[in-house]
PDB file of N, CA and C in Angstrom:
ATOM      1  N   UNK A   1     -12.597  15.509 -54.983  1.00  0.00           N
ATOM      2  CA  UNK A   1     -12.083  14.184 -54.695  1.00  0.00           C
ATOM      3  C   UNK A   1     -10.664  14.279 -54.143  1.00  0.00           C
ATOM      4  N   UNK A   2      -9.949  15.313 -54.544  1.00  0.00           N
ATOM      5  CA  UNK A   2      -8.568  15.445 -54.074  1.00  0.00           C
ATOM      6  C   UNK A   2      -8.504  15.537 -52.556  1.00  0.00           C
ATOM      7  N   UNK A   3      -9.427  16.272 -51.952  1.00  0.00           N
ATOM      8  CA  UNK A   3      -9.416  16.422 -50.499  1.00  0.00           C
ATOM      9  C   UNK A   3      -9.616  15.087 -49.797  1.00  0.00           C
ATOM     10  N   UNK A   4     -10.466  14.255 -50.337  1.00  0.00           N
ATOM     11  CA  UNK A   4     -10.748  12.962 -49.718  1.00  0.00           C
ATOM     12  C   UNK A   4      -9.580  12.008 -49.913  1.00  0.00           C
ATOM     13  N   UNK A   5      -9.092  11.891 -51.142  1.00  0.00           N
ATOM     14  CA  UNK A   5      -8.029  10.927 -51.418  1.00  0.00           C
ATOM     15  C   UNK A   5      -6.688  11.349 -50.836  1.00  0.00           C
ATOM     16  N   UNK A   6      -6.507  12.619 -50.547  1.00  0.00           N
ATOM     17  CA  UNK A   6      -5.247  13.088 -49.983  1.00  0.00           C
ATOM     18  C   UNK A   6      -4.989  12.435 -48.625  1.00  0.00           C
ATOM     19  N   UNK A   7      -6.047  12.214 -47.877  1.00  0.00           N
ATOM     20  CA  UNK A   7      -5.902  11.677 -46.527  1.00  0.00           C
ATOM     21  C   UNK A   7      -6.003  10.154 -46.465  1.00  0.00           C
ATOM     22  N   UNK A   8      -6.209   9.484 -47.581  1.00  0.00           N
ATOM     23  CA  UNK A   8      -6.332   8.019 -47.594  1.00  0.00           C
ATOM     24  C   UNK A   8      -4.978   7.372 -47.791  1.00  0.00           C
ATOM     25  N   UNK A   9      -4.829   6.189 -47.201  1.00  0.00           N
ATOM     26  CA  UNK A   9      -3.584   5.472 -47.456  1.00  0.00           C
ATOM     27  C   UNK A   9      -3.685   4.754 -48.802  1.00  0.00           C
ATOM     28  N   UNK A  10      -2.562   4.258 -49.283  1.00  0.00           N
ATOM     29  CA  UNK A  10      -2.499   3.656 -50.611  1.00  0.00           C
ATOM     30  C   UNK A  10      -3.396   2.435 -50.767  1.00  0.00           C
ATOM     31  N   UNK A  11      -3.529   1.633 -49.702  1.00  0.00           N
ATOM     32  CA  UNK A  11      -4.379   0.439 -49.793  1.00  0.00           C
ATOM     33  C   UNK A  11      -5.832   0.817 -50.045  1.00  0.00           C
ATOM     34  N   UNK A  12      -6.291   1.848 -49.384  1.00  0.00           N
ATOM     35  CA  UNK A  12      -7.668   2.293 -49.583  1.00  0.00           C
ATOM     36  C   UNK A  12      -7.840   2.842 -50.997  1.00  0.00           C
ATOM     37  N   UNK A  13      -6.880   3.631 -51.451  1.00  0.00           N
ATOM     38  CA  UNK A  13      -6.947   4.175 -52.808  1.00  0.00           C
ATOM     39  C   UNK A  13      -6.959   3.058 -53.844  1.00  0.00           C
ATOM     40  N   UNK A  14      -6.095   2.060 -53.661  1.00  0.00           N
ATOM     41  CA  UNK A  14      -6.048   0.932 -54.591  1.00  0.00           C
ATOM     42  C   UNK A  14      -7.369   0.177 -54.599  1.00  0.00           C
ATOM     43  N   UNK A  15      -7.948  -0.032 -53.430  1.00  0.00           N
ATOM     44  CA  UNK A  15      -9.227  -0.742 -53.341  1.00  0.00           C
ATOM     45  C   UNK A  15     -10.340   0.047 -54.018  1.00  0.00           C
ATOM     46  N   UNK A  16     -10.359   1.351 -53.813  1.00  0.00           N
ATOM     47  CA  UNK A  16     -11.358   2.185 -54.482  1.00  0.00           C
ATOM     48  C   UNK A  16     -11.190   2.145 -55.993  1.00  0.00           C
ATOM     49  N   UNK A  17      -9.936   2.136 -56.459  1.00  0.00           N
ATOM     50  CA  UNK A  17      -9.680   2.021 -57.899  1.00  0.00           C
ATOM     51  C   UNK A  17     -10.185   0.690 -58.444  1.00  0.00           C
ATOM     52  N   UNK A  18      -9.975  -0.400 -57.699  1.00  0.00           N
ATOM     53  CA  UNK A  18     -10.460  -1.714 -58.111  1.00  0.00           C
ATOM     54  C   UNK A  18     -11.981  -1.726 -58.202  1.00  0.00           C
ATOM     55  N   UNK A  19     -12.620  -1.166 -57.204  1.00  0.00           N
ATOM     56  CA  UNK A  19     -14.088  -1.109 -57.204  1.00  0.00           C
ATOM     57  C   UNK A  19     -14.577  -0.281 -58.388  1.00  0.00           C
ATOM     58  N   UNK A  20     -13.951   0.868 -58.610  1.00  0.00           N
ATOM     59  CA  UNK A  20     -14.352   1.740 -59.717  1.00  0.00           C
ATOM     60  C   UNK A  20     -14.160   1.045 -61.063  1.00  0.00           C
ATOM     61  N   UNK A  21     -13.049   0.316 -61.227  1.00  0.00           N
ATOM     62  CA  UNK A  21     -12.825  -0.421 -62.481  1.00  0.00           C
ATOM     63  C   UNK A  21     -13.898  -1.473 -62.691  1.00  0.00           C
ATOM     64  N   UNK A  22     -14.245  -2.191 -61.638  1.00  0.00           N
ATOM     65  CA  UNK A  22     -15.280  -3.210 -61.739  1.00  0.00           C
ATOM     66  C   UNK A  22     -16.626  -2.620 -62.105  1.00  0.00           C
ATOM     67  N   UNK A  23     -16.970  -1.525 -61.452  1.00  0.00           N
ATOM     68  CA  UNK A  23     -18.231  -0.848 -61.755  1.00  0.00           C
ATOM     69  C   UNK A  23     -18.225  -0.338 -63.195  1.00  0.00           C
ATOM     70  N   UNK A  24     -17.112   0.225 -63.622  1.00  0.00           N
ATOM     71  CA  UNK A  24     -17.008   0.735 -64.993  1.00  0.00           C
ATOM     72  C   UNK A  24     -17.158  -0.395 -66.012  1.00  0.00           C
ATOM     73  N   UNK A  25     -16.525  -1.532 -65.756  1.00  0.00           N
ATOM     74  CA  UNK A  25     -16.628  -2.668 -66.683  1.00  0.00           C
ATOM     75  C   UNK A  25     -18.070  -3.138 -66.833  1.00  0.00           C
ATOM     76  N   UNK A  26     -18.745  -3.309 -65.713  1.00  0.00           N
ATOM     77  CA  UNK A  26     -20.136  -3.776 -65.739  1.00  0.00           C
ATOM     78  C   UNK A  26     -21.040  -2.723 -66.379  1.00  0.00           C
ATOM     79  N   UNK A  27     -20.815  -1.472 -66.032  1.00  0.00           N
ATOM     80  CA  UNK A  27     -21.639  -0.389 -66.565  1.00  0.00           C
ATOM     81  C   UNK A  27     -21.490  -0.277 -68.075  1.00  0.00           C
ATOM     82  N   UNK A  28     -20.262  -0.411 -68.575  1.00  0.00           N
ATOM     83  CA  UNK A  28     -20.057  -0.351 -70.026  1.00  0.00           C
ATOM     84  C   UNK A  28     -20.762  -1.501 -70.745  1.00  0.00           C
ATOM     85  N   UNK A  29     -20.719  -2.692 -70.165  1.00  0.00           N
ATOM     86  CA  UNK A  29     -21.427  -3.828 -70.764  1.00  0.00           C
ATOM     87  C   UNK A  29     -22.924  -3.561 -70.808  1.00  0.00           C
ATOM     88  N   UNK A  30     -23.466  -3.079 -69.694  1.00  0.00           N
ATOM     89  CA  UNK A  30     -24.896  -2.773 -69.644  1.00  0.00           C
ATOM     90  C   UNK A  30     -25.257  -1.639 -70.598  1.00  0.00           C
ATOM     91  N   UNK A  31     -24.391  -0.647 -70.697  1.00  0.00           N
ATOM     92  CA  UNK A  31     -24.624   0.474 -71.602  1.00  0.00           C
ATOM     93  C   UNK A  31     -24.647  -0.001 -73.052  1.00  0.00           C
ATOM     94  N   UNK A  32     -23.703  -0.860 -73.414  1.00  0.00           N
ATOM     95  CA  UNK A  32     -23.672  -1.420 -74.774  1.00  0.00           C
ATOM     96  C   UNK A  32     -24.987  -2.122 -75.092  1.00  0.00           C
ATOM     97  N   UNK A  33     -25.435  -2.997 -74.176  1.00  0.00           N
ATOM     98  CA  UNK A  33     -26.681  -3.735 -74.384  1.00  0.00           C
ATOM     99  C   UNK A  33     -27.882  -2.802 -74.449  1.00  0.00           C
ATOM    100  N   UNK A  34     -27.903  -1.815 -73.581  1.00  0.00           N
ATOM    101  CA  UNK A  34     -29.011  -0.867 -73.551  1.00  0.00           C
ATOM    102  C   UNK A  34     -29.085  -0.064 -74.846  1.00  0.00           C
ATOM    103  N   UNK A  35     -27.940   0.365 -75.342  1.00  0.00           N
ATOM    104  CA  UNK A  35     -27.910   1.118 -76.600  1.00  0.00           C
ATOM    105  C   UNK A  35     -28.403   0.236 -77.741  1.00  0.00           C
ATOM    106  N   UNK A  36     -27.949  -1.009 -77.787  1.00  0.00           N
ATOM    107  CA  UNK A  36     -28.431  -1.929 -78.826  1.00  0.00           C
ATOM    108  C   UNK A  36     -29.950  -2.033 -78.783  1.00  0.00           C
ATOM    109  N   UNK A  37     -30.488  -2.166 -77.577  1.00  0.00           N
ATOM    110  CA  UNK A  37     -31.937  -2.288 -77.409  1.00  0.00           C
ATOM    111  C   UNK A  37     -32.644  -1.011 -77.830  1.00  0.00           C
ATOM    112  N   UNK A  38     -32.111   0.135 -77.400  1.00  0.00           N
ATOM    113  CA  UNK A  38     -32.731   1.424 -77.730  1.00  0.00           C
ATOM    114  C   UNK A  38     -32.674   1.726 -79.229  1.00  0.00           C
ATOM    115  N   UNK A  39     -31.636   1.238 -79.893  1.00  0.00           N
ATOM    116  CA  UNK A  39     -31.468   1.491 -81.328  1.00  0.00           C
ATOM    117  C   UNK A  39     -32.040   0.378 -82.202  1.00  0.00           C
ATOM    118  N   UNK A  40     -32.828  -0.494 -81.614  1.00  0.00           N
ATOM    119  CA  UNK A  40     -33.363  -1.644 -82.358  1.00  0.00           C
ATOM    120  C   UNK A  40     -34.148  -1.219 -83.601  1.00  0.00           C
ATOM    121  N   UNK A  41     -34.774  -0.055 -83.571  1.00  0.00           N
ATOM    122  CA  UNK A  41     -35.561   0.422 -84.710  1.00  0.00           C
ATOM    123  C   UNK A  41     -34.720   1.130 -85.767  1.00  0.00           C
ATOM    124  N   UNK A  42     -33.458   1.388 -85.459  1.00  0.00           N
ATOM    125  CA  UNK A  42     -32.583   2.025 -86.436  1.00  0.00           C
ATOM    126  C   UNK A  42     -32.135   0.994 -87.464  1.00  0.00           C
ATOM    127  N   UNK A  43     -31.938   1.451 -88.692  1.00  0.00           N
ATOM    128  CA  UNK A  43     -31.423   0.511 -89.710  1.00  0.00           C
ATOM    129  C   UNK A  43     -30.058  -0.037 -89.280  1.00  0.00           C
ATOM    130  N   UNK A  44     -29.904  -1.344 -89.342  1.00  0.00           N
ATOM    131  CA  UNK A  44     -28.664  -2.007 -88.936  1.00  0.00           C
ATOM    132  C   UNK A  44     -27.700  -2.056 -90.123  1.00  0.00           C
ATOM    133  N   UNK A  45     -27.051  -0.937 -90.407  1.00  0.00           N
ATOM    134  CA  UNK A  45     -26.212  -0.851 -91.599  1.00  0.00           C
ATOM    135  C   UNK A  45     -24.739  -0.667 -91.253  1.00  0.00           C
ATOM    136  N   UNK A  46     -24.125  -1.708 -90.753  1.00  0.00           N
ATOM    137  CA  UNK A  46     -22.681  -1.764 -90.536  1.00  0.00           C
ATOM    138  C   UNK A  46     -22.042  -0.552 -89.914  1.00  0.00           C
ATOM    139  N   UNK A  47     -21.191   0.117 -90.702  1.00  0.00           N
ATOM    140  CA  UNK A  47     -20.396   1.237 -90.199  1.00  0.00           C
ATOM    141  C   UNK A  47     -21.261   2.389 -89.697  1.00  0.00           C
ATOM    142  N   UNK A  48     -22.341   2.675 -90.399  1.00  0.00           N
ATOM    143  CA  UNK A  48     -23.214   3.772 -89.992  1.00  0.00           C
ATOM    144  C   UNK A  48     -23.845   3.462 -88.626  1.00  0.00           C
ATOM    145  N   UNK A  49     -24.311   2.238 -88.443  1.00  0.00           N
ATOM    146  CA  UNK A  49     -24.885   1.840 -87.154  1.00  0.00           C
ATOM    147  C   UNK A  49     -23.819   1.910 -86.067  1.00  0.00           C
ATOM    148  N   UNK A  50     -22.616   1.463 -86.391  1.00  0.00           N
ATOM    149  CA  UNK A  50     -21.513   1.526 -85.428  1.00  0.00           C
ATOM    150  C   UNK A  50     -21.215   2.955 -85.003  1.00  0.00           C
ATOM    151  N   UNK A  51     -21.257   3.879 -85.958  1.00  0.00           N
ATOM    152  CA  UNK A  51     -21.005   5.288 -85.655  1.00  0.00           C
ATOM    153  C   UNK A  51     -22.117   5.860 -84.790  1.00  0.00           C
ATOM    154  N   UNK A  52     -23.370   5.506 -85.088  1.00  0.00           N
ATOM    155  CA  UNK A  52     -24.501   5.965 -84.290  1.00  0.00           C
ATOM    156  C   UNK A  52     -24.387   5.403 -82.872  1.00  0.00           C
ATOM    157  N   UNK A  53     -24.079   4.128 -82.770  1.00  0.00           N
ATOM    158  CA  UNK A  53     -23.925   3.463 -81.473  1.00  0.00           C
ATOM    159  C   UNK A  53     -22.837   4.148 -80.652  1.00  0.00           C
ATOM    160  N   UNK A  54     -21.718   4.423 -81.276  1.00  0.00           N
ATOM    161  CA  UNK A  54     -20.601   5.084 -80.603  1.00  0.00           C
ATOM    162  C   UNK A  54     -20.985   6.489 -80.133  1.00  0.00           C
ATOM    163  N   UNK A  55     -21.687   7.227 -80.982  1.00  0.00           N
ATOM    164  CA  UNK A  55     -22.107   8.589 -80.627  1.00  0.00           C
ATOM    165  C   UNK A  55     -23.058   8.561 -79.435  1.00  0.00           C
ATOM    166  N   UNK A  56     -24.020   7.636 -79.448  1.00  0.00           N
ATOM    167  CA  UNK A  56     -24.958   7.526 -78.334  1.00  0.00           C
ATOM    168  C   UNK A  56     -24.204   7.178 -77.055  1.00  0.00           C
ATOM    169  N   UNK A  57     -23.233   6.271 -77.145  1.00  0.00           N
ATOM    170  CA  UNK A  57     -22.462   5.884 -75.977  1.00  0.00           C
ATOM    171  C   UNK A  57     -21.711   7.081 -75.389  1.00  0.00           C
ATOM    172  N   UNK A  58     -21.043   7.831 -76.241  1.00  0.00           N
ATOM    173  CA  UNK A  58     -20.299   8.991 -75.763  1.00  0.00           C
ATOM    174  C   UNK A  58     -21.229  10.031 -75.144  1.00  0.00           C
ATOM    175  N   UNK A  59     -22.392  10.261 -75.769  1.00  0.00           N
ATOM    176  CA  UNK A  59     -23.344  11.216 -75.215  1.00  0.00           C
ATOM    177  C   UNK A  59     -23.885  10.748 -73.865  1.00  0.00           C
ATOM    178  N   UNK A  60     -24.178   9.462 -73.746  1.00  0.00           N
ATOM    179  CA  UNK A  60     -24.694   8.924 -72.487  1.00  0.00           C
ATOM    180  C   UNK A  60     -23.660   9.054 -71.379  1.00  0.00           C
ATOM    181  N   UNK A  61     -22.404   8.725 -71.673  1.00  0.00           N
ATOM    182  CA  UNK A  61     -21.339   8.844 -70.678  1.00  0.00           C
ATOM    183  C   UNK A  61     -21.155  10.304 -70.272  1.00  0.00           C
ATOM    184  N   UNK A  62     -21.199  11.205 -71.237  1.00  0.00           N
ATOM    185  CA  UNK A  62     -21.069  12.632 -70.947  1.00  0.00           C
ATOM    186  C   UNK A  62     -22.206  13.091 -70.040  1.00  0.00           C
ATOM    187  N   UNK A  63     -23.436  12.657 -70.343  1.00  0.00           N
ATOM    188  CA  UNK A  63     -24.575  13.051 -69.520  1.00  0.00           C
ATOM    189  C   UNK A  63     -24.474  12.477 -68.111  1.00  0.00           C
ATOM    190  N   UNK A  64     -24.006  11.229 -67.988  1.00  0.00           N
ATOM    191  CA  UNK A  64     -23.827  10.646 -66.655  1.00  0.00           C
ATOM    192  C   UNK A  64     -22.777  11.419 -65.874  1.00  0.00           C
ATOM    193  N   UNK A  65     -21.686  11.781 -66.538  1.00  0.00           N
ATOM    194  CA  UNK A  65     -20.635  12.559 -65.878  1.00  0.00           C
ATOM    195  C   UNK A  65     -21.180  13.902 -65.399  1.00  0.00           C
ATOM    196  N   UNK A  66     -21.901  14.586 -66.277  1.00  0.00           N
ATOM    197  CA  UNK A  66     -22.443  15.893 -65.904  1.00  0.00           C
ATOM    198  C   UNK A  66     -23.457  15.772 -64.768  1.00  0.00           C
ATOM    199  N   UNK A  67     -24.245  14.718 -64.770  1.00  0.00           N
ATOM    200  CA  UNK A  67     -25.211  14.516 -63.684  1.00  0.00           C
ATOM    201  C   UNK A  67     -24.500  14.307 -62.352  1.00  0.00           C
ATOM    202  N   UNK A  68     -23.424  13.540 -62.357  1.00  0.00           N
ATOM    203  CA  UNK A  68     -22.717  13.303 -61.096  1.00  0.00           C
ATOM    204  C   UNK A  68     -21.899  14.517 -60.687  1.00  0.00           C
ATOM    205  N   UNK A  69     -21.387  15.246 -61.652  1.00  0.00           N
ATOM    206  CA  UNK A  69     -20.590  16.444 -61.365  1.00  0.00           C
ATOM    207  C   UNK A  69     -21.440  17.516 -60.695  1.00  0.00           C
ATOM    208  N   UNK A  70     -22.691  17.620 -61.096  1.00  0.00           N
ATOM    209  CA  UNK A  70     -23.561  18.668 -60.581  1.00  0.00           C
ATOM    210  C   UNK A  70     -24.488  18.183 -59.464  1.00  0.00           C
ATOM    211  N   UNK A  71     -24.304  16.954 -59.043  1.00  0.00           N
ATOM    212  CA  UNK A  71     -25.105  16.400 -57.958  1.00  0.00           C
ATOM    213  C   UNK A  71     -24.704  17.083 -56.657  1.00  0.00           C
ATOM    214  N   UNK A  72     -25.653  17.728 -56.024  1.00  0.00           N
ATOM    215  CA  UNK A  72     -25.326  18.489 -54.806  1.00  0.00           C
ATOM    216  C   UNK A  72     -24.910  17.575 -53.653  1.00  0.00           C
ATOM    217  N   UNK A  73     -25.288  16.304 -53.717  1.00  0.00           N
ATOM    218  CA  UNK A  73     -24.904  15.382 -52.659  1.00  0.00           C
ATOM    219  C   UNK A  73     -23.575  14.702 -52.910  1.00  0.00           C
ATOM    220  N   UNK A  74     -22.941  15.034 -54.009  1.00  0.00           N
ATOM    221  CA  UNK A  74     -21.686  14.401 -54.380  1.00  0.00           C
ATOM    222  C   UNK A  74     -20.539  14.894 -53.506  1.00  0.00           C
ATOM    223  N   UNK A  75     -19.618  13.982 -53.211  1.00  0.00           N
ATOM    224  CA  UNK A  75     -18.432  14.345 -52.424  1.00  0.00           C
ATOM    225  C   UNK A  75     -17.246  14.644 -53.322  1.00  0.00           C
ATOM    226  N   UNK A  76     -17.457  14.541 -54.611  1.00  0.00           N
ATOM    227  CA  UNK A  76     -16.358  14.759 -55.565  1.00  0.00           C
ATOM    228  C   UNK A  76     -16.233  16.223 -55.902  1.00  0.00           C
TER     229      UNK A  76
END
């Protein structure tokens, strides 16, 4: 990504950051809902459920990162 952003002007970089923030916000909301749905069969026991939910979220984000990092078509 450094090679691409090095040649961009600040307005383009700022716009890309805005787009990325928007995508991240929407994706996190969808991820939260999806995890709730996927964990519907798990016992809903307060802190323990919260910890399970958090762990699944972190694992999902890690897997998405690794998938994009190793994507041969990626420009990053």
